[in-house]
């Protein structure tokens, strides 16, 4: 699951270890790529550091995921309203119709939102994999 976290990164050269303050791509000493190192010591690859390139898509995916929770809540309200119609108003047909419609529309909306959210994340993963493959074949 993609979450939005702000990590304090320090960019170091993979060859000579020089620190990059200007966030450039290549080292000024040995002309190799910089990698991001979290100040706690964990190494991040260049693709993980560039995940903020798709920040709007990650935000859109999170919005759709949270919309699915909202749709589930609305479906639950519809189901409770159906039970209210059955119990208090003695209108069984209307209550069952509301319950069935709430279940069907709620399930469809939840599944649709979650799949759309996961599809956006899949698109981001595919884009990152294609970038890795193109860099790999570029270096051969």
C-alpha atoms as a PDB file:
ATOM      1  CA  UNK A   1       0.000   0.000   0.000  1.00  0.00           C
ATOM      2  CA  UNK A   2       1.306   3.394  -0.887  1.00  0.00           C
ATOM      3  CA  UNK A   3       1.344   5.930   1.882  1.00  0.00           C
ATOM      4  CA  UNK A   4       2.564   9.470   1.767  1.00  0.00           C
ATOM      5  CA  UNK A   5       5.566   9.841   4.075  1.00  0.00           C
ATOM      6  CA  UNK A   6       8.184  12.519   4.061  1.00  0.00           C
ATOM      7  CA  UNK A   7      11.622  10.980   4.571  1.00  0.00           C
ATOM      8  CA  UNK A   8      14.719  13.006   5.291  1.00  0.00           C
ATOM      9  CA  UNK A   9      17.175  11.774   2.652  1.00  0.00           C
ATOM     10  CA  UNK A  10      20.868  12.361   2.320  1.00  0.00           C
ATOM     11  CA  UNK A  11      22.242  11.798  -1.178  1.00  0.00           C
ATOM     12  CA  UNK A  12      25.606  10.037  -1.375  1.00  0.00           C
ATOM     13  CA  UNK A  13      27.646   8.831  -4.304  1.00  0.00           C
ATOM     14  CA  UNK A  14      27.631   5.062  -4.768  1.00  0.00           C
ATOM     15  CA  UNK A  15      31.342   5.049  -5.788  1.00  0.00           C
ATOM     16  CA  UNK A  16      33.281   7.663  -3.807  1.00  0.00           C
ATOM     17  CA  UNK A  17      30.811   8.427  -0.995  1.00  0.00           C
ATOM     18  CA  UNK A  18      30.705  12.194  -1.484  1.00  0.00           C
ATOM     19  CA  UNK A  19      27.579  13.950  -0.208  1.00  0.00           C
ATOM     20  CA  UNK A  20      25.395  15.819  -2.690  1.00  0.00           C
ATOM     21  CA  UNK A  21      23.799  18.995  -1.360  1.00  0.00           C
ATOM     22  CA  UNK A  22      22.352  20.191  -4.677  1.00  0.00           C
ATOM     23  CA  UNK A  23      20.361  17.007  -5.410  1.00  0.00           C
ATOM     24  CA  UNK A  24      21.944  16.557  -8.843  1.00  0.00           C
ATOM     25  CA  UNK A  25      21.819  13.222 -10.646  1.00  0.00           C
ATOM     26  CA  UNK A  26      25.532  12.569 -11.215  1.00  0.00           C
ATOM     27  CA  UNK A  27      28.483  12.913  -8.856  1.00  0.00           C
ATOM     28  CA  UNK A  28      30.764  15.857  -9.552  1.00  0.00           C
ATOM     29  CA  UNK A  29      33.882  13.836  -8.604  1.00  0.00           C
ATOM     30  CA  UNK A  30      33.485  10.448 -10.281  1.00  0.00           C
ATOM     31  CA  UNK A  31      30.386  10.973 -12.502  1.00  0.00           C
ATOM     32  CA  UNK A  32      28.417   8.041 -11.015  1.00  0.00           C
ATOM     33  CA  UNK A  33      24.813   8.112  -9.795  1.00  0.00           C
ATOM     34  CA  UNK A  34      23.795   9.321  -6.385  1.00  0.00           C
ATOM     35  CA  UNK A  35      21.650   7.141  -4.156  1.00  0.00           C
ATOM     36  CA  UNK A  36      19.367   8.377  -1.409  1.00  0.00           C
ATOM     37  CA  UNK A  37      20.220   7.264   2.102  1.00  0.00           C
ATOM     38  CA  UNK A  38      17.751   7.804   4.901  1.00  0.00           C
ATOM     39  CA  UNK A  39      19.573   9.543   7.724  1.00  0.00           C
ATOM     40  CA  UNK A  40      18.912   6.499   9.922  1.00  0.00           C
ATOM     41  CA  UNK A  41      21.119   4.463   7.563  1.00  0.00           C
ATOM     42  CA  UNK A  42      18.657   2.646   5.239  1.00  0.00           C
ATOM     43  CA  UNK A  43      19.498   2.755   1.545  1.00  0.00           C
ATOM     44  CA  UNK A  44      16.881   3.690  -1.025  1.00  0.00           C
ATOM     45  CA  UNK A  45      17.257   2.928  -4.686  1.00  0.00           C
ATOM     46  CA  UNK A  46      16.950   5.718  -7.233  1.00  0.00           C
ATOM     47  CA  UNK A  47      13.444   4.537  -8.257  1.00  0.00           C
ATOM     48  CA  UNK A  48      12.207   4.620  -4.674  1.00  0.00           C
ATOM     49  CA  UNK A  49      13.611   8.107  -4.210  1.00  0.00           C
ATOM     50  CA  UNK A  50      11.807   9.238  -7.387  1.00  0.00           C
ATOM     51  CA  UNK A  51       8.442   7.886  -6.204  1.00  0.00           C
ATOM     52  CA  UNK A  52       7.403  11.488  -5.593  1.00  0.00           C
ATOM     53  CA  UNK A  53       7.329  11.830  -9.366  1.00  0.00           C
ATOM     54  CA  UNK A  54       3.896  10.164  -9.274  1.00  0.00           C
ATOM     55  CA  UNK A  55       2.652  11.963  -6.163  1.00  0.00           C
ATOM     56  CA  UNK A  56      -0.611  13.063  -7.778  1.00  0.00           C
ATOM     57  CA  UNK A  57      -1.415   9.497  -8.870  1.00  0.00           C
ATOM     58  CA  UNK A  58      -0.629   8.152  -5.413  1.00  0.00           C
ATOM     59  CA  UNK A  59      -2.924  10.803  -3.925  1.00  0.00           C
ATOM     60  CA  UNK A  60      -5.669   9.906  -6.391  1.00  0.00           C
ATOM     61  CA  UNK A  61      -5.313   6.243  -5.466  1.00  0.00           C
ATOM     62  CA  UNK A  62      -5.637   7.089  -1.767  1.00  0.00           C
ATOM     63  CA  UNK A  63      -8.750   9.174  -2.489  1.00  0.00           C
ATOM     64  CA  UNK A  64     -10.415   6.250  -4.282  1.00  0.00           C
ATOM     65  CA  UNK A  65      -9.478   3.899  -1.461  1.00  0.00           C
ATOM     66  CA  UNK A  66     -11.061   6.199   1.105  1.00  0.00           C
ATOM     67  CA  UNK A  67     -14.104   6.643  -1.132  1.00  0.00           C
ATOM     68  CA  UNK A  68     -14.645   2.894  -0.914  1.00  0.00           C
ATOM     69  CA  UNK A  69     -14.899   3.220   2.874  1.00  0.00           C
ATOM     70  CA  UNK A  70     -17.420   6.011   2.413  1.00  0.00           C
ATOM     71  CA  UNK A  71     -19.464   3.879   0.015  1.00  0.00           C
ATOM     72  CA  UNK A  72     -19.472   1.038   2.540  1.00  0.00           C
ATOM     73  CA  UNK A  73     -20.738   3.407   5.223  1.00  0.00           C
ATOM     74  CA  UNK A  74     -23.525   4.669   2.947  1.00  0.00           C
ATOM     75  CA  UNK A  75     -24.504   1.067   2.087  1.00  0.00           C
ATOM     76  CA  UNK A  76     -24.634   0.255   5.806  1.00  0.00           C
ATOM     77  CA  UNK A  77     -26.959   3.227   6.367  1.00  0.00           C
ATOM     78  CA  UNK A  78     -29.164   1.958   3.521  1.00  0.00           C
ATOM     79  CA  UNK A  79     -29.327  -1.512   5.056  1.00  0.00           C
ATOM     80  CA  UNK A  80     -30.271  -0.076   8.450  1.00  0.00           C
ATOM     81  CA  UNK A  81     -32.930   2.077   6.770  1.00  0.00           C
ATOM     82  CA  UNK A  82     -34.334  -1.051   5.131  1.00  0.00           C
ATOM     83  CA  UNK A  83     -34.546  -2.804   8.485  1.00  0.00           C
ATOM     84  CA  UNK A  84     -36.267   0.299   9.896  1.00  0.00           C
ATOM     85  CA  UNK A  85     -38.881   0.114   7.144  1.00  0.00           C
ATOM     86  CA  UNK A  86     -39.463  -3.578   7.876  1.00  0.00           C
ATOM     87  CA  UNK A  87     -39.611  -3.227  11.655  1.00  0.00           C
ATOM     88  CA  UNK A  88     -41.282   0.120  12.404  1.00  0.00           C
ATOM     89  CA  UNK A  89     -43.383   0.806   9.320  1.00  0.00           C
ATOM     90  CA  UNK A  90     -44.425  -2.800   8.576  1.00  0.00           C
ATOM     91  CA  UNK A  91     -43.572  -2.296   4.918  1.00  0.00           C
ATOM     92  CA  UNK A  92     -41.694  -5.509   4.080  1.00  0.00           C
ATOM     93  CA  UNK A  93     -41.479  -5.040   0.307  1.00  0.00           C
ATOM     94  CA  UNK A  94     -39.977  -1.548   0.506  1.00  0.00           C
ATOM     95  CA  UNK A  95     -37.583  -2.601   3.272  1.00  0.00           C
ATOM     96  CA  UNK A  96     -36.332  -5.637   1.357  1.00  0.00           C
ATOM     97  CA  UNK A  97     -35.996  -3.565  -1.814  1.00  0.00           C
ATOM     98  CA  UNK A  98     -33.885  -0.966   0.017  1.00  0.00           C
ATOM     99  CA  UNK A  99     -31.714  -3.680   1.606  1.00  0.00           C
ATOM    100  CA  UNK A 100     -31.125  -5.492  -1.687  1.00  0.00           C
ATOM    101  CA  UNK A 101     -30.387  -2.268  -3.590  1.00  0.00           C
ATOM    102  CA  UNK A 102     -28.028  -1.075  -0.843  1.00  0.00           C
ATOM    103  CA  UNK A 103     -26.155  -4.368  -0.892  1.00  0.00           C
ATOM    104  CA  UNK A 104     -25.836  -4.501  -4.671  1.00  0.00           C
ATOM    105  CA  UNK A 105     -24.952  -0.855  -5.247  1.00  0.00           C
ATOM    106  CA  UNK A 106     -22.717  -0.735  -2.155  1.00  0.00           C
ATOM    107  CA  UNK A 107     -20.763  -3.852  -3.139  1.00  0.00           C
ATOM    108  CA  UNK A 108     -20.387  -2.631  -6.717  1.00  0.00           C
ATOM    109  CA  UNK A 109     -19.191   0.801  -5.589  1.00  0.00           C
ATOM    110  CA  UNK A 110     -16.726  -0.603  -3.064  1.00  0.00           C
ATOM    111  CA  UNK A 111     -15.252  -3.111  -5.514  1.00  0.00           C
ATOM    112  CA  UNK A 112     -15.081  -0.507  -8.285  1.00  0.00           C
ATOM    113  CA  UNK A 113     -13.279   2.037  -6.088  1.00  0.00           C
ATOM    114  CA  UNK A 114     -10.787  -0.467  -4.697  1.00  0.00           C
ATOM    115  CA  UNK A 115     -10.015  -1.868  -8.154  1.00  0.00           C
ATOM    116  CA  UNK A 116      -9.551   1.615  -9.584  1.00  0.00           C
ATOM    117  CA  UNK A 117      -7.220   2.490  -6.699  1.00  0.00           C
ATOM    118  CA  UNK A 118      -5.185  -0.676  -7.200  1.00  0.00           C
ATOM    119  CA  UNK A 119      -5.130  -0.080 -10.961  1.00  0.00           C
ATOM    120  CA  UNK A 120      -3.511   3.309 -10.437  1.00  0.00           C
ATOM    121  CA  UNK A 121      -0.871   1.746  -8.184  1.00  0.00           C
ATOM    122  CA  UNK A 122      -0.313  -0.978 -10.777  1.00  0.00           C
ATOM    123  CA  UNK A 123       0.239   1.707 -13.430  1.00  0.00           C
ATOM    124  CA  UNK A 124       2.888   3.327 -11.217  1.00  0.00           C
ATOM    125  CA  UNK A 125       4.620  -0.033 -10.697  1.00  0.00           C
ATOM    126  CA  UNK A 126       4.585  -0.740 -14.435  1.00  0.00           C
ATOM    127  CA  UNK A 127       6.077   2.688 -15.156  1.00  0.00           C
ATOM    128  CA  UNK A 128       8.842   2.093 -12.599  1.00  0.00           C
ATOM    129  CA  UNK A 129       9.566  -1.380 -14.018  1.00  0.00           C
ATOM    130  CA  UNK A 130       9.745  -0.043 -17.570  1.00  0.00           C
ATOM    131  CA  UNK A 131      12.156   2.642 -16.397  1.00  0.00           C
ATOM    132  CA  UNK A 132      14.347  -0.011 -14.740  1.00  0.00           C
ATOM    133  CA  UNK A 133      14.315  -2.148 -17.883  1.00  0.00           C
ATOM    134  CA  UNK A 134      15.185   0.772 -20.142  1.00  0.00           C
ATOM    135  CA  UNK A 135      18.101   1.735 -17.884  1.00  0.00           C
ATOM    136  CA  UNK A 136      19.258  -1.883 -17.851  1.00  0.00           C
ATOM    137  CA  UNK A 137      19.208  -2.194 -21.638  1.00  0.00           C
ATOM    138  CA  UNK A 138      20.720   1.272 -22.005  1.00  0.00           C
ATOM    139  CA  UNK A 139      23.782   0.160 -20.018  1.00  0.00           C
ATOM    140  CA  UNK A 140      24.341  -3.026 -22.075  1.00  0.00           C
END
